[in-house]
Structures are given as structure tokens and as C-alpha cells.
Amino acid sequence: MAAFEYFKQNVGKASTLLGFSEEVQKKLMTPNRVLRAELTIPLEAGGTGTFPAYRVQFNNARGPYKGGIRFHPEADEDEVSALAAMMAIKCAVVGIPLGGAKGGVAVDPKKLSQKDLHLLAREYVKAFSDHIGPDQDIPAPDVYTNSEIMGVMLDEYERITGKSQPAMITGKPLSLGGSLGRDTATADGAVEVLKALLEDRHLEADVLTAAVQGAGNAGGQAAHLLYSMGMSVVSIADSKGTLSSVDGLDMDKVLAFKEAGNHIPDAGAHMEGVTVGTVEEVLSVAADVLVPAALEEQITKENVESIQAGIILEVANGPITPEADAALAAQGVVVIPDVLANAGGVTVSYFEWVQNRSGYYWSADIVREGMQTTMRKAYKSVADFAAERGISLRDASYAVALERIAEAMRGRGLL
């Protein structure tokens, strides 16, 4: 099923809960604007390359559009539209005054040089410069883009506009107005929501076990935080395989090994009492908490019966298909959905935008406290709604967000 269809299914279910008419549902499912371009650059290796590019501006009823730009060979209009829609939901569910957008370039960045990527970043800004900016649409990093690319995009935008505008983009280097805490915000926010859920259910972290799929920026930080809480991380996987131990892994050693440029399963040769398995095995490990922090569509109707976790924390975008989601709900598995769990990233991006606009920069402690307060407040509103209606946290997240978006649209005379 296409990614945008997943979004429409979730909107349909939440709209039914809220009693929205078909006309209102249609408006909530329709992007405000879909921008397309063909970006042509001279390649350092010779010749030229032309790459399709997109910027989908989904909904700005609650504030300027907000969302990342990804460089990925499979980026297309459907995927970018779905991600833009989810950004609108994320911003609304955590209550920050921003809308939803997303950008993408269909390119394999591994086949381009750094010079090529910088040229591509500049061409992207040139193509969409009339439609982005601090009061209009604020991009950020996404898959295969980073703070360096954001810095190049900022430079190009300021060259075009002729003035300093650090608030036009987030996820920048600190030297260009980036925010402290942004690099770990996605995992930090997700774990804060998990803590709130565990407190609600009177569960102590130090008696629980966890399995983490993904050992990159988000997955590695999530594993580190869970381990620091006293949770026994019994399994972790990267793109090359799974490392497991029923007695719990020493995550300090495992993550240090990974950060040194090695693959997770190779750590098995340097540790006792561990087993090495396939990439997929991490999903079926016996653990209280499962953290998919890698790719989309990892838990499907084909493997959902092998899931043994009682709680799933979706750090990745869309790691569970709708069919698998329904099966997990029937089994009593609690899923903390991506639109709530991983909204810490956009929350701290919002903080960066606020700091840029004011010219006053916050300490790491202030950023962390603000993020924690925002994520806990969001969790409470979703959990309360779910308890009142007897529905899942995913359905409640969409309902809370859509109710806020619809309220803003009504205030503007759009509904």
C-alpha cells in the first residue's frame, strides 16, 4: 500500500471518531500545494545530472509549513506527500504553531561527490525560493541530508534574498544558528513519551527489557537512553545484523564499537554470551519494549505474529503497516505511534526557529526542559483521549491533531 494511503486510512478513522463530514475529511486529506522541479547540475565526474525534486506544502492552518528535505533514490510525490501530511499531524499533536510540509530529491547521494551535493542543495533552494522562508515554509534535514546541507541551503537562500535569515531553515550547524539538543531530539523525545507511559502504568524501567532496531542517530541514542534508565537492552540491530544477549548487552561497549565505524553484529567477536542473527531477528526477540528506529514497513501482516513485545515505541516513520497495526491492537500490544513518539525532532526544530527569530539562544538545559514538557503534555492529551474513547494511541493522536487543525481551519473560514 502506498504511504499516502496509510495516512488517509488514519485520517478516515479519526474523522469518524470526531464526526467530521466527508467534505471536511477530504480537505484534511488534500495538500495545499504540490511543487515540482527538475534540478540539473554539472557533475564533478563529468557530464550533467538531472534529478526530480518535490516540495509538498500540506497544511498551514496552524502556522508556517515545516518539514525536512530528503535526498533518496526512491523519493517521489506519494512518499513526500505522506510525510508532509504526517508533519502536519506531528506539529498539531505536540501543540506547536507550525504546519506540515516535506521535500525530496530523487537521487542516490552515495553516487555524488560532496561538491555535487552542494550544487544540488543550491539548485533546490533556487527552484523553490519563492515558496520557502521563515514565515512561509521552514525546511530541515531528513534522510541523507544533514546540518552541512542545511548550511549550504541557508547560504543560497540568503544570497538570493540579500539578507540574513537564519530562521528560514532548521537543523543548521551551531555556528549558523542551530540549536543545542537538536541532534538527539528525536530519540530524546520518544524516550520521554515512553517514560510517561511507564509511569501511567506503574512500570519500573529497571525490571524491563528492550530490543532496538536501528543503531544510527535515533536508534543508537534511544538504546543509550534506555540503558541509562536501567532497562536491560537484550537486542540491537543495524543494517548488517542483530546482536543479542538474554542477560542484556553492555550498550556503552556496543555503541562505542558502532561509533568507531564498525557494524553491530561484528561486536559479537569481542563480547561473551552474545548471539548474532539476521537483520530481521531483532523484531521477534522476547522483550518488553520494541523500538523500531530504522525504516518504514518493518512489522507487517507476514511477521506480526512473531512479535513478542508488549509495548512498541515507533521512533521510525511508519514502521508498522495498517494490517499489522490492527493485529497488534487485537493482541493487546500498546503502540506509541510515530506521529507522537518521534515528534521531539520537530519540537526542537521549532525551538531553533524561535531562537533564530529572537536572536537569543538557549542553553542545552532549557532546550531539554522545554522538549520534555512539550512531549509529556502531548502524551497526556493523547492518552486521556484514548482512555475516554477506548481507542488506540494512534487513533487518539490523529484525532487530537485533526481536531486542532480543523479548529484552526474553521477560524480562518476554510471549513
Protein backbone atom coordinates (compact mmCIF):
# COMPACT_ATOMS: atom_id res chain seq x y z
CA MET A 1 0.00 0.00 0.00
CA ALA A 2 1.29 3.47 -0.87
CA ALA A 3 2.42 5.65 2.04
CA PHE A 4 -0.21 8.32 1.39
CA GLU A 5 -2.95 5.69 1.58
CA TYR A 6 -1.80 4.85 5.13
CA PHE A 7 -2.30 8.47 6.07
CA LYS A 8 -5.76 8.58 4.51
CA GLN A 9 -6.81 5.46 6.43
CA ASN A 10 -5.74 7.04 9.72
CA VAL A 11 -7.46 10.33 8.89
CA GLY A 12 -10.63 8.45 7.96
CA LYS A 13 -10.73 6.59 11.28
CA ALA A 14 -10.05 9.72 13.33
CA SER A 15 -12.58 11.75 11.34
CA THR A 16 -15.26 9.16 12.08
CA LEU A 17 -14.45 9.44 15.80
CA LEU A 18 -14.76 13.22 15.58
CA GLY A 19 -17.93 13.17 13.48
CA PHE A 20 -16.37 15.07 10.58
CA SER A 21 -18.29 15.20 7.31
CA GLU A 22 -16.89 13.70 4.11
CA GLU A 23 -16.23 17.22 2.84
CA VAL A 24 -14.14 18.06 5.92
CA GLN A 25 -12.29 14.73 5.65
CA LYS A 26 -11.43 15.45 2.02
CA LYS A 27 -10.00 18.85 2.90
CA LEU A 28 -7.91 17.33 5.69
CA MET A 29 -6.51 14.77 3.23
CA THR A 30 -5.65 17.22 0.44
CA PRO A 31 -2.30 19.06 0.22
CA ASN A 32 -2.48 22.82 -0.15
CA ARG A 33 0.24 22.82 -2.80
CA VAL A 34 2.49 20.32 -4.59
CA LEU A 35 5.61 21.89 -6.09
CA ARG A 36 7.77 20.04 -8.63
CA ALA A 37 11.05 20.82 -10.38
CA GLU A 38 13.83 19.18 -12.39
CA LEU A 39 17.24 20.01 -10.94
CA THR A 40 20.14 19.85 -13.41
CA ILE A 41 23.74 20.18 -12.21
CA PRO A 42 27.20 19.66 -13.74
CA LEU A 43 28.77 16.55 -12.21
CA GLU A 44 32.31 16.57 -10.88
CA ALA A 45 32.94 13.24 -12.66
CA GLY A 46 31.84 14.77 -15.97
CA GLY A 47 28.57 15.42 -17.77
CA THR A 48 25.39 16.56 -16.09
CA GLY A 49 22.73 15.01 -13.87
CA THR A 50 19.03 15.82 -13.76
CA PHE A 51 17.02 14.94 -10.69
CA PRO A 52 13.26 15.24 -9.96
CA ALA A 53 12.56 17.40 -6.90
CA TYR A 54 9.46 17.98 -4.80
CA ARG A 55 8.14 20.24 -2.07
CA VAL A 56 4.70 19.35 -0.74
CA GLN A 57 3.07 22.00 1.43
CA PHE A 58 0.29 20.09 3.12
CA ASN A 59 -1.43 22.34 5.65
CA ASN A 60 -0.52 25.70 7.20
CA ALA A 61 -3.68 26.49 9.17
CA ARG A 62 -1.74 26.44 12.46
CA GLY A 63 1.40 28.22 11.24
CA PRO A 64 4.17 28.19 8.61
CA TYR A 65 4.81 24.91 6.83
CA LYS A 66 7.54 22.79 8.45
CA GLY A 67 9.32 19.68 7.25
CA GLY A 68 12.58 18.11 6.12
CA ILE A 69 14.21 17.61 2.73
CA ARG A 70 15.45 14.13 1.86
CA PHE A 71 17.92 13.07 -0.84
CA HIS A 72 16.90 9.50 -1.66
CA PRO A 73 16.63 7.49 -4.90
CA GLU A 74 13.06 6.41 -4.08
CA ALA A 75 11.73 9.87 -3.18
CA ASP A 76 8.53 10.50 -5.13
CA GLU A 77 5.41 12.60 -4.89
CA ASP A 78 3.40 9.98 -2.99
CA GLU A 79 6.07 9.47 -0.34
CA VAL A 80 6.77 13.18 0.07
CA SER A 81 3.02 13.93 0.28
CA ALA A 82 2.55 11.31 3.00
CA LEU A 83 5.48 12.65 5.01
CA ALA A 84 4.22 16.23 4.63
CA ALA A 85 0.82 15.15 5.90
CA MET A 86 2.40 13.40 8.89
CA MET A 87 4.37 16.55 9.68
CA ALA A 88 1.11 18.50 9.94
CA ILE A 89 -0.17 15.84 12.35
CA LYS A 90 3.05 15.82 14.42
CA CYS A 91 3.13 19.58 14.85
CA ALA A 92 -0.53 19.63 15.87
CA VAL A 93 -0.30 16.70 18.27
CA VAL A 94 2.55 18.32 20.22
CA GLY A 95 0.82 21.70 20.06
CA ILE A 96 3.50 23.76 18.30
CA PRO A 97 2.28 26.55 15.97
CA LEU A 98 3.55 25.11 12.69
CA GLY A 99 2.02 23.30 9.73
CA GLY A 100 3.29 20.37 7.69
CA ALA A 101 5.48 20.12 4.60
CA LYS A 102 8.17 17.85 3.17
CA GLY A 103 10.72 17.95 0.40
CA GLY A 104 12.58 15.36 -1.59
CA VAL A 105 15.05 14.89 -4.42
CA ALA A 106 15.13 11.57 -6.27
CA VAL A 107 18.89 10.99 -6.14
CA ASP A 108 21.33 8.44 -4.78
CA PRO A 109 23.64 10.70 -2.76
CA LYS A 110 26.20 7.91 -2.45
CA LYS A 111 26.89 8.28 -6.19
CA LEU A 112 27.60 12.01 -5.99
CA SER A 113 30.59 13.92 -4.66
CA GLN A 114 30.34 16.46 -1.87
CA LYS A 115 30.65 19.23 -4.47
CA ASP A 116 27.76 17.68 -6.45
CA LEU A 117 25.57 17.51 -3.35
CA HIS A 118 26.28 21.14 -2.51
CA LEU A 119 25.31 22.19 -6.04
CA LEU A 120 22.15 20.10 -5.80
CA ALA A 121 21.26 21.73 -2.49
CA ARG A 122 21.68 25.17 -4.04
CA GLU A 123 19.57 24.25 -7.07
CA TYR A 124 16.82 23.01 -4.76
CA VAL A 125 16.70 26.36 -2.99
CA LYS A 126 16.75 28.24 -6.31
CA ALA A 127 13.83 26.14 -7.59
CA PHE A 128 11.63 26.72 -4.53
CA SER A 129 12.95 30.01 -3.09
CA ASP A 130 9.67 31.83 -3.75
CA HIS A 131 7.81 29.28 -1.63
CA ILE A 132 10.11 28.86 1.39
CA GLY A 133 11.20 31.24 4.14
CA PRO A 134 10.93 31.93 7.88
CA ASP A 135 7.27 33.00 7.70
CA GLN A 136 6.22 30.66 4.91
CA ASP A 137 7.89 27.23 4.87
CA ILE A 138 10.84 26.16 7.04
CA PRO A 139 12.84 23.15 5.78
CA ALA A 140 15.10 20.87 7.84
CA PRO A 141 17.34 17.79 7.37
CA ASP A 142 15.87 14.40 6.57
CA VAL A 143 17.18 11.14 5.08
CA TYR A 144 20.69 11.62 3.63
CA THR A 145 20.76 15.34 4.33
CA ASN A 146 22.41 16.91 7.36
CA SER A 147 23.44 20.14 9.05
CA GLU A 148 26.09 20.76 6.39
CA ILE A 149 23.50 20.64 3.59
CA MET A 150 21.22 22.92 5.62
CA GLY A 151 24.08 25.41 5.91
CA VAL A 152 24.56 25.40 2.13
CA MET A 153 20.82 25.88 1.60
CA LEU A 154 20.79 28.78 4.07
CA ASP A 155 23.71 30.39 2.25
CA GLU A 156 21.94 30.10 -1.11
CA TYR A 157 18.68 31.48 0.25
CA GLU A 158 20.44 34.46 1.84
CA ARG A 159 22.33 35.05 -1.42
CA ILE A 160 19.00 35.15 -3.30
CA THR A 161 17.19 37.35 -0.77
CA GLY A 162 20.18 39.55 0.05
CA LYS A 163 19.77 39.44 3.81
CA SER A 164 20.47 37.32 6.88
CA GLN A 165 17.58 34.91 7.52
CA PRO A 166 18.73 32.06 9.78
CA ALA A 167 15.10 31.23 10.67
CA MET A 168 14.39 30.04 7.11
CA ILE A 169 15.80 26.58 7.87
CA THR A 170 16.48 24.42 10.94
CA GLY A 171 18.92 21.65 11.73
CA LYS A 172 21.80 24.01 10.90
CA PRO A 173 25.31 23.91 12.37
CA LEU A 174 25.54 25.68 15.73
CA SER A 175 27.83 28.25 14.12
CA LEU A 176 24.97 29.31 11.81
CA GLY A 177 22.25 29.47 14.44
CA GLY A 178 21.50 25.82 15.06
CA SER A 179 20.06 24.75 18.41
CA LEU A 180 21.72 22.75 21.14
CA GLY A 181 19.93 19.43 21.62
CA ARG A 182 18.70 19.11 18.04
CA ASP A 183 21.00 16.21 17.11
CA THR A 184 19.46 13.83 19.68
CA ALA A 185 15.97 15.36 19.92
CA THR A 186 14.08 12.62 18.06
CA ALA A 187 15.20 9.83 20.39
CA ASP A 188 15.15 12.08 23.46
CA GLY A 189 11.51 12.98 22.82
CA ALA A 190 10.50 9.38 22.12
CA VAL A 191 12.01 8.10 25.35
CA GLU A 192 10.34 10.92 27.28
CA VAL A 193 6.97 9.75 25.98
CA LEU A 194 7.83 6.16 26.89
CA LYS A 195 8.72 7.27 30.43
CA ALA A 196 5.35 8.97 30.74
CA LEU A 197 3.56 5.82 29.59
CA LEU A 198 5.52 3.63 32.02
CA GLU A 199 4.63 6.00 34.87
CA ASP A 200 0.97 5.82 33.85
CA ARG A 201 1.11 2.04 34.04
CA HIS A 202 3.24 1.93 37.21
CA LEU A 203 6.06 0.09 35.44
CA GLU A 204 9.67 0.46 36.55
CA ALA A 205 12.28 0.67 33.79
CA ASP A 206 14.87 -1.38 35.66
CA VAL A 207 12.74 -4.52 35.54
CA LEU A 208 12.02 -4.26 31.81
CA THR A 209 13.85 -5.44 28.71
CA ALA A 210 14.15 -3.72 25.34
CA ALA A 211 15.07 -4.50 21.73
CA VAL A 212 16.10 -1.71 19.35
CA GLN A 213 16.01 -1.91 15.56
CA GLY A 214 18.45 0.67 14.24
CA ALA A 215 21.74 1.92 15.64
CA GLY A 216 22.07 5.23 13.84
CA ASN A 217 21.45 8.66 15.32
CA ALA A 218 17.92 7.87 16.55
CA GLY A 219 18.26 4.17 17.36
CA GLY A 220 21.67 4.48 18.98
CA GLN A 221 20.55 7.37 21.17
CA ALA A 222 17.33 5.53 22.12
CA ALA A 223 19.33 2.45 23.12
CA HIS A 224 21.72 4.62 25.16
CA LEU A 225 18.85 6.33 26.98
CA LEU A 226 17.01 3.08 27.75
CA TYR A 227 20.23 1.55 29.07
CA SER A 228 20.86 4.66 31.19
CA MET A 229 17.35 4.29 32.67
CA GLY A 230 18.29 0.84 33.89
CA MET A 231 16.40 -1.07 31.21
CA SER A 232 18.11 -4.24 30.01
CA VAL A 233 18.71 -3.87 26.26
CA VAL A 234 18.72 -7.51 25.14
CA SER A 235 19.00 -6.90 21.41
CA ILE A 236 20.06 -4.22 18.91
CA ALA A 237 20.36 -4.34 15.13
CA ASP A 238 21.84 -2.29 12.33
CA SER A 239 21.67 -2.87 8.56
CA LYS A 240 24.09 -5.81 8.79
CA GLY A 241 22.51 -7.90 11.54
CA THR A 242 21.30 -8.33 15.12
CA LEU A 243 23.32 -8.67 18.32
CA SER A 244 21.50 -10.22 21.29
CA SER A 245 22.04 -11.39 24.86
CA VAL A 246 19.38 -12.70 27.21
CA ASP A 247 21.37 -11.18 30.08
CA GLY A 248 21.44 -7.74 28.47
CA LEU A 249 24.08 -6.06 26.34
CA ASP A 250 26.70 -3.63 27.60
CA MET A 251 25.39 -0.76 25.47
CA ASP A 252 28.32 1.51 26.29
CA LYS A 253 30.67 -1.01 24.65
CA VAL A 254 28.32 -1.84 21.76
CA LEU A 255 27.65 1.78 20.84
CA ALA A 256 31.32 2.75 21.18
CA PHE A 257 32.12 -0.11 18.77
CA LYS A 258 29.48 1.18 16.34
CA GLU A 259 30.65 4.79 16.61
CA ALA A 260 34.18 3.64 15.74
CA GLY A 261 32.88 2.77 12.28
CA ASN A 262 32.07 -0.92 12.81
CA HIS A 263 28.87 -2.88 12.30
CA ILE A 264 26.78 -4.02 15.27
CA PRO A 265 27.00 -7.82 14.68
CA ASP A 266 30.80 -7.63 14.47
CA ALA A 267 30.83 -6.65 18.13
CA GLY A 268 29.93 -10.28 18.87
CA ALA A 269 33.53 -11.31 18.26
CA HIS A 270 34.63 -9.09 21.14
CA MET A 271 31.94 -9.96 23.69
CA GLU A 272 30.98 -13.09 25.62
CA GLY A 273 27.49 -14.52 25.96
CA VAL A 274 26.07 -12.88 22.85
CA THR A 275 24.47 -14.24 19.69
CA VAL A 276 24.47 -12.80 16.19
CA GLY A 277 21.44 -13.07 13.94
CA THR A 278 19.85 -11.66 10.80
CA VAL A 279 18.67 -8.08 10.47
CA GLU A 280 15.04 -9.16 10.96
CA GLU A 281 15.61 -11.19 14.14
CA VAL A 282 15.57 -8.13 16.39
CA LEU A 283 11.84 -7.75 15.75
CA SER A 284 10.95 -11.16 17.17
CA VAL A 285 13.20 -11.08 20.25
CA ALA A 286 11.43 -11.60 23.57
CA ALA A 287 11.45 -8.11 25.09
CA ASP A 288 9.01 -5.88 26.96
CA VAL A 289 9.68 -2.87 24.72
CA LEU A 290 10.44 -2.96 20.99
CA VAL A 291 11.85 0.18 19.37
CA PRO A 292 11.72 0.24 15.55
CA ALA A 293 14.11 3.11 14.75
CA ALA A 294 15.15 2.26 11.20
CA LEU A 295 12.95 2.00 8.12
CA GLU A 296 9.24 2.04 7.32
CA GLU A 297 7.07 -1.09 6.93
CA GLN A 298 9.15 -3.37 9.15
CA ILE A 299 6.26 -5.01 11.01
CA THR A 300 3.78 -6.41 8.50
CA LYS A 301 0.97 -8.95 8.33
CA GLU A 302 3.62 -11.53 7.36
CA ASN A 303 5.70 -11.21 10.55
CA VAL A 304 3.33 -9.63 13.10
CA GLU A 305 2.63 -12.96 14.81
CA SER A 306 6.31 -13.24 15.74
CA ILE A 307 6.26 -10.00 17.75
CA GLN A 308 6.70 -10.70 21.48
CA ALA A 309 6.91 -7.17 22.86
CA GLY A 310 4.08 -5.68 24.90
CA ILE A 311 5.00 -2.07 24.06
CA ILE A 312 6.23 -0.74 20.70
CA LEU A 313 7.81 2.71 20.51
CA GLU A 314 7.77 3.93 16.90
CA VAL A 315 10.89 6.07 16.57
CA ALA A 316 10.98 5.47 12.80
CA ASN A 317 8.30 6.80 10.46
CA GLY A 318 5.67 4.21 9.54
CA PRO A 319 7.42 1.05 10.77
CA ILE A 320 4.09 -0.79 11.21
CA THR A 321 1.65 -1.38 8.34
CA PRO A 322 -2.09 -0.84 8.96
CA GLU A 323 -2.80 -4.59 8.80
CA ALA A 324 -0.10 -5.32 11.36
CA ASP A 325 -1.28 -2.40 13.50
CA ALA A 326 -4.75 -3.91 13.69
CA ALA A 327 -3.33 -7.33 14.59
CA LEU A 328 -1.16 -5.85 17.35
CA ALA A 329 -4.15 -3.99 18.80
CA ALA A 330 -6.11 -7.25 18.86
CA GLN A 331 -3.22 -8.86 20.75
CA GLY A 332 -3.23 -6.05 23.33
CA VAL A 333 0.14 -4.64 22.27
CA VAL A 334 0.48 -0.94 23.10
CA VAL A 335 1.88 1.05 20.17
CA ILE A 336 3.19 4.57 20.80
CA PRO A 337 2.73 5.92 17.27
CA ASP A 338 5.35 7.73 15.21
CA VAL A 339 3.36 10.97 14.96
CA LEU A 340 3.65 11.29 18.75
CA ALA A 341 6.80 9.31 19.56
CA ASN A 342 9.21 10.93 17.13
CA ALA A 343 7.87 14.49 17.29
CA GLY A 344 10.73 15.54 19.58
CA GLY A 345 12.75 16.36 16.48
CA VAL A 346 10.28 18.89 15.10
CA THR A 347 9.70 20.24 18.62
CA VAL A 348 13.36 21.21 18.97
CA SER A 349 13.37 22.46 15.37
CA TYR A 350 10.57 24.79 16.45
CA PHE A 351 12.75 25.92 19.36
CA GLU A 352 15.57 26.61 16.88
CA TRP A 353 13.23 28.72 14.73
CA VAL A 354 12.11 30.69 17.81
CA GLN A 355 15.74 31.29 18.84
CA ASN A 356 16.66 32.45 15.32
CA ARG A 357 13.75 34.87 15.18
CA SER A 358 14.53 36.36 18.59
CA GLY A 359 18.31 36.34 18.26
CA TYR A 360 18.52 34.83 21.75
CA TYR A 361 19.99 31.34 22.11
CA TRP A 362 19.08 28.88 24.85
CA SER A 363 21.23 26.59 26.97
CA ALA A 364 21.06 22.82 26.47
CA ASP A 365 19.18 22.53 29.77
CA ILE A 366 16.48 24.98 28.67
CA VAL A 367 16.06 23.16 25.35
CA ARG A 368 15.85 19.79 27.11
CA GLU A 369 13.33 21.00 29.69
CA GLY A 370 11.17 22.58 27.00
CA MET A 371 11.20 19.41 24.93
CA GLN A 372 10.38 17.20 27.91
CA THR A 373 7.47 19.43 28.97
CA THR A 374 6.10 19.56 25.42
CA MET A 375 6.31 15.79 24.86
CA ARG A 376 4.76 14.91 28.23
CA LYS A 377 1.90 17.36 27.68
CA ALA A 378 1.30 15.84 24.24
CA TYR A 379 1.33 12.31 25.64
CA LYS A 380 -1.19 13.25 28.34
CA SER A 381 -3.64 14.79 25.87
CA VAL A 382 -3.41 11.71 23.64
CA ALA A 383 -3.55 9.18 26.48
CA ASP A 384 -6.55 10.91 28.07
CA PHE A 385 -8.41 10.97 24.74
CA ALA A 386 -7.59 7.30 24.14
CA ALA A 387 -8.83 6.31 27.62
CA GLU A 388 -12.05 8.30 27.25
CA ARG A 389 -12.88 6.72 23.89
CA GLY A 390 -11.40 3.27 24.44
CA ILE A 391 -9.19 3.57 21.35
CA SER A 392 -5.53 3.14 20.45
CA LEU A 393 -2.89 5.81 20.98
CA ARG A 394 -2.52 6.07 17.19
CA ASP A 395 -6.21 6.79 16.64
CA ALA A 396 -6.17 9.22 19.56
CA SER A 397 -3.06 11.01 18.23
CA TYR A 398 -4.68 11.57 14.85
CA ALA A 399 -7.96 12.65 16.44
CA VAL A 400 -6.30 15.16 18.77
CA ALA A 401 -4.21 16.58 15.92
CA LEU A 402 -7.03 16.75 13.39
CA GLU A 403 -9.33 18.42 15.89
CA ARG A 404 -6.70 21.15 16.39
CA ILE A 405 -6.08 21.54 12.66
CA ALA A 406 -9.82 21.68 11.91
CA GLU A 407 -10.31 24.28 14.64
CA ALA A 408 -7.64 26.47 13.05
CA MET A 409 -9.14 25.98 9.59
CA ARG A 410 -12.59 26.93 10.88
CA GLY A 411 -11.09 30.03 12.47
CA ARG A 412 -9.74 31.01 9.06
CA GLY A 413 -13.05 30.33 7.32
CA LEU A 414 -11.60 27.32 5.46
CA LEU A 415 -14.14 24.81 6.79
